[in-house]
Amino acid sequence: MTVVYGLMAALMFASSAAMPAIAGSEDVVVEDAWARASIGVNRPGAAYMTIRNTGDEAVTLTGIRTDLAMMPDIHQTSTNAEGVSSMAPAGEIEIAPGEAVWLEPGGLHAMLMRLQRPMAEGENFSMTLDFSDGGEITVEVPILGIAARGPEG
């Protein structure tokens, strides 16, 4: 019996030593997810939410996935001095301990390119957020009206 316990302890130590020292996605909370309805599938859709790191170490969002769009990505909207807005991929997003990142209209947002079906008001879709520790969080995103300004209306 002592040999079995010794072997179990050795295996537990070996597996914990192989674990990367990266902050865990288990410390991430996603709040207030929402999206606007689309007009068909010819134009991209977008989704918004708050991603909060409740842990003691930074976490890094590395990507998003959904069967709703063939090319989902996190984009950043920026406006230059002349008032012209443009969007570009944001890349990986680090969230500091105790901080949050807001995906919202006019800023960072989940860009849903090459929609596979229309985003219809009153429906939901699943979106998975991928993190650098290999963890993932799947969120149900409600689709609001085409003129919605946030989850409260």
N, C-alpha and C. Protein backbone atom coordinates (compact mmCIF):
# COMPACT_ATOMS: atom_id res chain seq x y z
N MET A 1 0.82 -1.19 0.00
CA MET A 1 0.00 0.00 0.00
C MET A 1 0.87 1.26 0.00
N THR A 2 1.98 1.24 0.74
CA THR A 2 2.89 2.39 0.79
C THR A 2 3.46 2.68 -0.59
N VAL A 3 3.75 1.64 -1.35
CA VAL A 3 4.28 1.80 -2.70
C VAL A 3 3.26 2.52 -3.58
N VAL A 4 1.97 2.16 -3.45
CA VAL A 4 0.92 2.79 -4.24
C VAL A 4 0.83 4.27 -3.91
N TYR A 5 0.84 4.62 -2.62
CA TYR A 5 0.77 6.02 -2.22
C TYR A 5 2.01 6.77 -2.69
N GLY A 6 3.15 6.16 -2.61
CA GLY A 6 4.39 6.78 -3.08
C GLY A 6 4.36 7.03 -4.57
N LEU A 7 3.83 6.06 -5.32
CA LEU A 7 3.72 6.22 -6.77
C LEU A 7 2.72 7.32 -7.11
N MET A 8 1.60 7.36 -6.41
CA MET A 8 0.61 8.42 -6.64
C MET A 8 1.20 9.79 -6.35
N ALA A 9 1.94 9.92 -5.25
CA ALA A 9 2.56 11.20 -4.90
C ALA A 9 3.58 11.61 -5.95
N ALA A 10 4.36 10.66 -6.45
CA ALA A 10 5.35 10.96 -7.48
C ALA A 10 4.67 11.42 -8.77
N LEU A 11 3.57 10.77 -9.14
CA LEU A 11 2.85 11.15 -10.35
C LEU A 11 2.23 12.54 -10.20
N MET A 12 1.68 12.83 -9.03
CA MET A 12 1.09 14.15 -8.80
C MET A 12 2.16 15.23 -8.86
N PHE A 13 3.31 14.99 -8.28
CA PHE A 13 4.40 15.96 -8.31
C PHE A 13 4.89 16.16 -9.73
N ALA A 14 5.05 15.08 -10.49
CA ALA A 14 5.54 15.17 -11.87
C ALA A 14 4.55 15.94 -12.73
N SER A 15 3.26 15.69 -12.56
CA SER A 15 2.28 16.38 -13.39
C SER A 15 2.19 17.85 -13.01
N SER A 16 2.34 18.19 -11.72
CA SER A 16 2.27 19.61 -11.34
C SER A 16 3.54 20.34 -11.77
N ALA A 17 4.66 19.65 -11.82
CA ALA A 17 5.90 20.29 -12.25
C ALA A 17 5.85 20.61 -13.74
N ALA A 18 5.07 19.84 -14.53
CA ALA A 18 4.97 20.05 -15.96
C ALA A 18 3.98 21.16 -16.32
N MET A 19 3.17 21.59 -15.37
CA MET A 19 2.17 22.62 -15.63
C MET A 19 2.84 23.97 -15.83
N PRO A 20 2.43 24.73 -16.85
CA PRO A 20 3.02 26.05 -17.06
C PRO A 20 2.60 27.01 -15.95
N ALA A 21 3.43 27.96 -15.66
CA ALA A 21 3.15 28.95 -14.62
C ALA A 21 2.46 30.16 -15.24
N ILE A 22 1.30 29.90 -15.82
CA ILE A 22 0.53 30.96 -16.48
C ILE A 22 -0.76 31.14 -15.70
N ALA A 23 -1.19 32.39 -15.57
CA ALA A 23 -2.43 32.65 -14.86
C ALA A 23 -3.56 31.88 -15.51
N GLY A 24 -4.50 31.45 -14.72
CA GLY A 24 -5.53 30.58 -15.23
C GLY A 24 -6.78 31.28 -15.73
N SER A 25 -7.34 30.74 -16.80
CA SER A 25 -8.59 31.26 -17.32
C SER A 25 -9.73 31.00 -16.34
N GLU A 26 -9.51 30.13 -15.35
CA GLU A 26 -10.54 29.90 -14.34
C GLU A 26 -10.80 31.15 -13.50
N ASP A 27 -9.92 32.14 -13.59
CA ASP A 27 -10.09 33.41 -12.87
C ASP A 27 -10.82 34.46 -13.70
N VAL A 28 -11.31 34.08 -14.88
CA VAL A 28 -11.96 35.02 -15.78
C VAL A 28 -13.48 34.92 -15.64
N VAL A 29 -14.13 36.07 -15.58
CA VAL A 29 -15.58 36.15 -15.53
C VAL A 29 -16.03 36.99 -16.72
N VAL A 30 -17.00 36.48 -17.47
CA VAL A 30 -17.55 37.22 -18.61
C VAL A 30 -18.94 37.71 -18.23
N GLU A 31 -19.18 39.01 -18.45
CA GLU A 31 -20.45 39.63 -18.05
C GLU A 31 -21.05 40.40 -19.22
N ASP A 32 -22.37 40.54 -19.17
CA ASP A 32 -23.11 41.43 -20.08
C ASP A 32 -22.83 41.20 -21.56
N ALA A 33 -22.76 39.95 -21.99
CA ALA A 33 -22.56 39.65 -23.40
C ALA A 33 -23.82 40.01 -24.19
N TRP A 34 -23.63 40.57 -25.40
CA TRP A 34 -24.75 40.89 -26.28
C TRP A 34 -24.24 41.14 -27.69
N ALA A 35 -25.16 41.10 -28.63
CA ALA A 35 -24.85 41.40 -30.03
C ALA A 35 -26.07 42.07 -30.64
N ARG A 36 -25.84 42.75 -31.75
CA ARG A 36 -26.94 43.35 -32.50
C ARG A 36 -27.37 42.41 -33.62
N ALA A 37 -28.65 42.47 -33.96
CA ALA A 37 -29.15 41.71 -35.10
C ALA A 37 -28.46 42.21 -36.37
N SER A 38 -28.33 41.31 -37.35
CA SER A 38 -27.71 41.67 -38.62
C SER A 38 -28.77 41.78 -39.70
N ILE A 39 -28.39 42.43 -40.79
CA ILE A 39 -29.22 42.44 -41.98
C ILE A 39 -28.62 41.38 -42.90
N GLY A 40 -29.17 40.19 -42.86
CA GLY A 40 -28.64 39.10 -43.68
C GLY A 40 -27.28 38.65 -43.22
N VAL A 41 -26.46 38.17 -44.19
CA VAL A 41 -25.13 37.65 -43.87
C VAL A 41 -24.01 38.35 -44.66
N ASN A 42 -24.36 39.35 -45.46
CA ASN A 42 -23.36 40.00 -46.31
C ASN A 42 -22.43 40.94 -45.56
N ARG A 43 -22.86 41.45 -44.44
CA ARG A 43 -22.02 42.34 -43.64
C ARG A 43 -21.63 41.64 -42.34
N PRO A 44 -20.48 41.97 -41.78
CA PRO A 44 -20.07 41.32 -40.52
C PRO A 44 -20.99 41.71 -39.37
N GLY A 45 -21.03 40.85 -38.38
CA GLY A 45 -21.71 41.15 -37.14
C GLY A 45 -20.68 41.50 -36.08
N ALA A 46 -21.15 41.84 -34.90
CA ALA A 46 -20.25 42.15 -33.80
C ALA A 46 -20.89 41.70 -32.49
N ALA A 47 -20.05 41.39 -31.52
CA ALA A 47 -20.53 41.02 -30.18
C ALA A 47 -19.72 41.81 -29.17
N TYR A 48 -20.34 42.03 -28.03
CA TYR A 48 -19.76 42.87 -26.99
C TYR A 48 -19.92 42.18 -25.63
N MET A 49 -19.01 42.49 -24.71
CA MET A 49 -19.08 41.89 -23.37
C MET A 49 -17.99 42.52 -22.50
N THR A 50 -18.05 42.24 -21.23
CA THR A 50 -16.99 42.61 -20.30
C THR A 50 -16.27 41.33 -19.90
N ILE A 51 -14.93 41.36 -19.98
CA ILE A 51 -14.11 40.21 -19.59
C ILE A 51 -13.28 40.64 -18.40
N ARG A 52 -13.56 40.05 -17.24
CA ARG A 52 -12.96 40.46 -15.97
C ARG A 52 -12.00 39.39 -15.45
N ASN A 53 -10.80 39.82 -15.06
CA ASN A 53 -9.81 38.92 -14.45
C ASN A 53 -9.90 39.08 -12.94
N THR A 54 -10.40 38.07 -12.25
CA THR A 54 -10.54 38.13 -10.80
C THR A 54 -9.33 37.54 -10.08
N GLY A 55 -8.33 37.09 -10.84
CA GLY A 55 -7.17 36.42 -10.26
C GLY A 55 -6.06 37.38 -9.84
N ASP A 56 -4.92 36.78 -9.45
CA ASP A 56 -3.76 37.52 -8.97
C ASP A 56 -2.68 37.69 -10.03
N GLU A 57 -2.88 37.10 -11.21
CA GLU A 57 -1.91 37.21 -12.30
C GLU A 57 -2.62 37.59 -13.58
N ALA A 58 -1.89 38.20 -14.50
CA ALA A 58 -2.47 38.58 -15.79
C ALA A 58 -2.92 37.34 -16.55
N VAL A 59 -3.97 37.49 -17.35
CA VAL A 59 -4.43 36.45 -18.26
C VAL A 59 -4.41 37.04 -19.67
N THR A 60 -4.25 36.17 -20.67
CA THR A 60 -4.18 36.65 -22.05
C THR A 60 -5.24 35.96 -22.89
N LEU A 61 -6.13 36.77 -23.46
CA LEU A 61 -7.12 36.30 -24.41
C LEU A 61 -6.42 36.16 -25.75
N THR A 62 -6.41 34.95 -26.31
CA THR A 62 -5.67 34.71 -27.56
C THR A 62 -6.57 34.61 -28.78
N GLY A 63 -7.88 34.41 -28.59
CA GLY A 63 -8.76 34.31 -29.74
C GLY A 63 -10.18 33.98 -29.34
N ILE A 64 -11.06 33.97 -30.34
CA ILE A 64 -12.46 33.63 -30.14
C ILE A 64 -12.90 32.67 -31.23
N ARG A 65 -13.93 31.88 -30.91
CA ARG A 65 -14.49 30.94 -31.87
C ARG A 65 -16.01 30.93 -31.75
N THR A 66 -16.68 30.77 -32.89
CA THR A 66 -18.12 30.58 -32.92
C THR A 66 -18.50 29.96 -34.25
N ASP A 67 -19.51 29.09 -34.23
CA ASP A 67 -19.96 28.51 -35.49
C ASP A 67 -20.82 29.49 -36.29
N LEU A 68 -21.14 30.63 -35.72
CA LEU A 68 -21.92 31.66 -36.39
C LEU A 68 -21.13 32.35 -37.51
N ALA A 69 -19.80 32.44 -37.34
CA ALA A 69 -18.96 33.17 -38.30
C ALA A 69 -17.72 32.35 -38.64
N MET A 70 -17.34 32.38 -39.91
CA MET A 70 -16.15 31.64 -40.34
C MET A 70 -14.86 32.35 -39.92
N MET A 71 -14.92 33.67 -39.70
CA MET A 71 -13.72 34.43 -39.34
C MET A 71 -13.99 35.34 -38.15
N PRO A 72 -14.15 34.78 -36.96
CA PRO A 72 -14.31 35.63 -35.78
C PRO A 72 -12.95 36.14 -35.31
N ASP A 73 -12.90 37.37 -34.85
CA ASP A 73 -11.63 37.96 -34.39
C ASP A 73 -11.95 39.14 -33.47
N ILE A 74 -11.01 39.48 -32.62
CA ILE A 74 -11.14 40.69 -31.80
C ILE A 74 -10.55 41.84 -32.61
N HIS A 75 -11.34 42.89 -32.80
CA HIS A 75 -10.89 44.08 -33.54
C HIS A 75 -10.92 45.30 -32.62
N GLN A 76 -10.14 46.30 -33.00
CA GLN A 76 -10.08 47.58 -32.30
C GLN A 76 -10.52 48.67 -33.27
N THR A 77 -11.49 49.48 -32.87
CA THR A 77 -11.88 50.63 -33.66
C THR A 77 -11.10 51.83 -33.12
N SER A 78 -10.56 52.61 -34.03
CA SER A 78 -9.87 53.84 -33.61
C SER A 78 -10.29 54.96 -34.55
N THR A 79 -10.22 56.18 -34.05
CA THR A 79 -10.59 57.36 -34.81
C THR A 79 -9.41 58.32 -34.82
N ASN A 80 -9.06 58.80 -36.01
CA ASN A 80 -7.91 59.72 -36.11
C ASN A 80 -8.35 61.16 -35.85
N ALA A 81 -7.41 62.10 -35.92
CA ALA A 81 -7.66 63.51 -35.62
C ALA A 81 -8.69 64.13 -36.56
N GLU A 82 -8.82 63.59 -37.78
CA GLU A 82 -9.79 64.11 -38.74
C GLU A 82 -11.18 63.49 -38.56
N GLY A 83 -11.32 62.59 -37.58
CA GLY A 83 -12.61 61.98 -37.31
C GLY A 83 -12.91 60.75 -38.13
N VAL A 84 -11.89 60.22 -38.83
CA VAL A 84 -12.09 59.02 -39.65
C VAL A 84 -11.83 57.79 -38.79
N SER A 85 -12.81 56.89 -38.76
CA SER A 85 -12.68 55.66 -37.97
C SER A 85 -12.20 54.51 -38.85
N SER A 86 -11.43 53.63 -38.23
CA SER A 86 -10.99 52.42 -38.92
C SER A 86 -10.92 51.29 -37.91
N MET A 87 -10.90 50.06 -38.43
CA MET A 87 -10.80 48.88 -37.57
C MET A 87 -9.62 48.04 -38.00
N ALA A 88 -9.01 47.38 -37.01
CA ALA A 88 -7.89 46.48 -37.28
C ALA A 88 -7.90 45.38 -36.23
N PRO A 89 -7.37 44.19 -36.57
CA PRO A 89 -7.26 43.13 -35.57
C PRO A 89 -6.48 43.62 -34.35
N ALA A 90 -6.94 43.24 -33.17
CA ALA A 90 -6.31 43.69 -31.93
C ALA A 90 -5.20 42.76 -31.47
N GLY A 91 -5.16 41.52 -31.97
CA GLY A 91 -4.16 40.56 -31.50
C GLY A 91 -4.53 40.05 -30.12
N GLU A 92 -3.53 39.53 -29.43
CA GLU A 92 -3.77 39.00 -28.08
C GLU A 92 -4.02 40.15 -27.12
N ILE A 93 -4.89 39.91 -26.15
CA ILE A 93 -5.27 40.95 -25.20
C ILE A 93 -4.95 40.47 -23.79
N GLU A 94 -4.03 41.18 -23.14
CA GLU A 94 -3.67 40.84 -21.76
C GLU A 94 -4.60 41.60 -20.82
N ILE A 95 -5.09 40.88 -19.82
CA ILE A 95 -5.97 41.47 -18.81
C ILE A 95 -5.25 41.38 -17.47
N ALA A 96 -4.92 42.52 -16.91
CA ALA A 96 -4.17 42.60 -15.65
C ALA A 96 -5.01 42.05 -14.50
N PRO A 97 -4.34 41.62 -13.42
CA PRO A 97 -5.07 41.11 -12.25
C PRO A 97 -6.03 42.16 -11.71
N GLY A 98 -7.24 41.75 -11.43
CA GLY A 98 -8.24 42.65 -10.87
C GLY A 98 -8.80 43.65 -11.87
N GLU A 99 -8.43 43.55 -13.13
CA GLU A 99 -8.88 44.50 -14.14
C GLU A 99 -9.88 43.84 -15.08
N ALA A 100 -10.46 44.65 -15.98
CA ALA A 100 -11.41 44.15 -16.96
C ALA A 100 -11.10 44.77 -18.31
N VAL A 101 -11.55 44.09 -19.35
CA VAL A 101 -11.50 44.61 -20.72
C VAL A 101 -12.94 44.67 -21.19
N TRP A 102 -13.30 45.80 -21.80
CA TRP A 102 -14.65 45.98 -22.29
C TRP A 102 -14.65 45.87 -23.80
N LEU A 103 -15.42 44.91 -24.31
CA LEU A 103 -15.66 44.83 -25.75
C LEU A 103 -16.96 45.59 -25.95
N GLU A 104 -16.87 46.76 -26.61
CA GLU A 104 -18.02 47.65 -26.72
C GLU A 104 -18.00 48.38 -28.06
N PRO A 105 -19.15 48.88 -28.48
CA PRO A 105 -19.18 49.64 -29.74
C PRO A 105 -18.19 50.81 -29.70
N GLY A 106 -17.46 50.98 -30.78
CA GLY A 106 -16.50 52.08 -30.87
C GLY A 106 -15.14 51.78 -30.28
N GLY A 107 -14.91 50.58 -29.79
CA GLY A 107 -13.63 50.22 -29.18
C GLY A 107 -13.27 48.80 -29.56
N LEU A 108 -12.75 48.06 -28.60
CA LEU A 108 -12.52 46.62 -28.82
C LEU A 108 -13.88 45.94 -28.99
N HIS A 109 -13.96 44.98 -29.90
CA HIS A 109 -15.20 44.23 -30.09
C HIS A 109 -14.90 42.91 -30.77
N ALA A 110 -15.81 41.97 -30.62
CA ALA A 110 -15.69 40.69 -31.32
C ALA A 110 -16.29 40.87 -32.70
N MET A 111 -15.44 40.86 -33.73
CA MET A 111 -15.87 41.03 -35.11
C MET A 111 -16.22 39.66 -35.68
N LEU A 112 -17.40 39.52 -36.22
CA LEU A 112 -17.89 38.23 -36.71
C LEU A 112 -18.01 38.31 -38.23
N MET A 113 -16.93 37.97 -38.91
CA MET A 113 -16.89 38.06 -40.36
C MET A 113 -17.29 36.74 -41.01
N ARG A 114 -17.89 36.86 -42.19
CA ARG A 114 -18.38 35.71 -42.96
C ARG A 114 -19.42 34.93 -42.16
N LEU A 115 -20.50 35.65 -41.82
CA LEU A 115 -21.59 35.03 -41.08
C LEU A 115 -22.14 33.83 -41.83
N GLN A 116 -22.49 32.80 -41.08
CA GLN A 116 -23.04 31.57 -41.65
C GLN A 116 -24.56 31.58 -41.65
N ARG A 117 -25.15 32.48 -40.91
CA ARG A 117 -26.60 32.65 -40.88
C ARG A 117 -26.87 34.05 -40.33
N PRO A 118 -28.04 34.60 -40.61
CA PRO A 118 -28.35 35.93 -40.08
C PRO A 118 -28.40 35.92 -38.56
N MET A 119 -28.07 37.03 -37.98
CA MET A 119 -28.16 37.21 -36.53
C MET A 119 -29.55 37.80 -36.26
N ALA A 120 -30.47 36.96 -35.82
CA ALA A 120 -31.86 37.34 -35.66
C ALA A 120 -32.16 37.77 -34.22
N GLU A 121 -32.82 38.91 -34.10
CA GLU A 121 -33.21 39.42 -32.77
C GLU A 121 -33.99 38.35 -32.01
N GLY A 122 -33.64 38.19 -30.73
CA GLY A 122 -34.31 37.22 -29.88
C GLY A 122 -33.62 35.86 -29.82
N GLU A 123 -32.68 35.63 -30.73
CA GLU A 123 -31.93 34.38 -30.69
C GLU A 123 -30.65 34.55 -29.90
N ASN A 124 -29.94 33.46 -29.66
CA ASN A 124 -28.64 33.44 -28.99
C ASN A 124 -27.66 32.67 -29.86
N PHE A 125 -26.37 32.87 -29.60
CA PHE A 125 -25.35 32.02 -30.20
C PHE A 125 -24.23 31.83 -29.18
N SER A 126 -23.48 30.76 -29.35
CA SER A 126 -22.37 30.46 -28.45
C SER A 126 -21.08 31.04 -29.01
N MET A 127 -20.27 31.60 -28.14
CA MET A 127 -18.94 32.09 -28.50
C MET A 127 -17.95 31.57 -27.46
N THR A 128 -16.83 31.03 -27.92
CA THR A 128 -15.81 30.52 -27.02
C THR A 128 -14.61 31.44 -27.03
N LEU A 129 -14.17 31.85 -25.85
CA LEU A 129 -12.97 32.67 -25.69
C LEU A 129 -11.82 31.75 -25.33
N ASP A 130 -10.71 31.87 -26.05
CA ASP A 130 -9.53 31.04 -25.82
C ASP A 130 -8.46 31.85 -25.10
N PHE A 131 -7.79 31.20 -24.14
CA PHE A 131 -6.77 31.87 -23.34
C PHE A 131 -5.42 31.17 -23.48
N SER A 132 -4.36 31.89 -23.16
CA SER A 132 -2.99 31.40 -23.35
C SER A 132 -2.66 30.19 -22.49
N ASP A 133 -3.43 29.95 -21.42
CA ASP A 133 -3.16 28.77 -20.59
C ASP A 133 -3.82 27.52 -21.14
N GLY A 134 -4.45 27.64 -22.32
CA GLY A 134 -5.15 26.51 -22.91
C GLY A 134 -6.60 26.42 -22.47
N GLY A 135 -6.99 27.27 -21.54
CA GLY A 135 -8.37 27.27 -21.06
C GLY A 135 -9.28 27.99 -22.04
N GLU A 136 -10.56 27.74 -21.86
CA GLU A 136 -11.56 28.39 -22.69
C GLU A 136 -12.82 28.63 -21.88
N ILE A 137 -13.56 29.65 -22.29
CA ILE A 137 -14.84 29.96 -21.65
C ILE A 137 -15.86 30.12 -22.78
N THR A 138 -16.97 29.39 -22.69
CA THR A 138 -18.02 29.52 -23.69
C THR A 138 -19.15 30.35 -23.09
N VAL A 139 -19.59 31.33 -23.86
CA VAL A 139 -20.59 32.29 -23.43
C VAL A 139 -21.78 32.23 -24.39
N GLU A 140 -22.98 32.29 -23.85
CA GLU A 140 -24.18 32.44 -24.67
C GLU A 140 -24.42 33.93 -24.88
N VAL A 141 -24.49 34.33 -26.15
CA VAL A 141 -24.62 35.75 -26.48
C VAL A 141 -26.04 36.00 -27.02
N PRO A 142 -26.85 36.79 -26.30
CA PRO A 142 -28.18 37.12 -26.80
C PRO A 142 -28.07 38.15 -27.93
N ILE A 143 -28.92 37.99 -28.95
CA ILE A 143 -28.95 38.93 -30.06
C ILE A 143 -30.10 39.89 -29.83
N LEU A 144 -29.75 41.17 -29.71
CA LEU A 144 -30.73 42.22 -29.45
C LEU A 144 -31.12 42.87 -30.78
N GLY A 145 -31.95 43.89 -30.71
CA GLY A 145 -32.39 44.60 -31.90
C GLY A 145 -31.25 45.27 -32.64
N ILE A 146 -31.48 45.60 -33.89
CA ILE A 146 -30.44 46.16 -34.75
C ILE A 146 -29.94 47.52 -34.26
N ALA A 147 -30.75 48.25 -33.50
CA ALA A 147 -30.37 49.57 -32.99
C ALA A 147 -29.97 49.54 -31.52
N ALA A 148 -29.84 48.36 -30.93
CA ALA A 148 -29.50 48.25 -29.50
C ALA A 148 -28.18 48.95 -29.20
N ARG A 149 -28.10 49.52 -28.00
CA ARG A 149 -26.88 50.21 -27.56
C ARG A 149 -26.21 49.52 -26.40
N GLY A 150 -26.76 48.41 -25.97
CA GLY A 150 -26.19 47.65 -24.87
C GLY A 150 -27.20 46.66 -24.35
N PRO A 151 -26.77 45.84 -23.40
CA PRO A 151 -27.65 44.79 -22.90
C PRO A 151 -28.87 45.33 -22.17
N GLU A 152 -28.83 46.59 -21.73
CA GLU A 152 -29.97 47.16 -21.03
C GLU A 152 -30.95 47.82 -21.98
N GLY A 153 -30.64 47.81 -23.28
CA GLY A 153 -31.63 48.35 -24.23
C GLY A 153 -31.07 49.23 -25.21
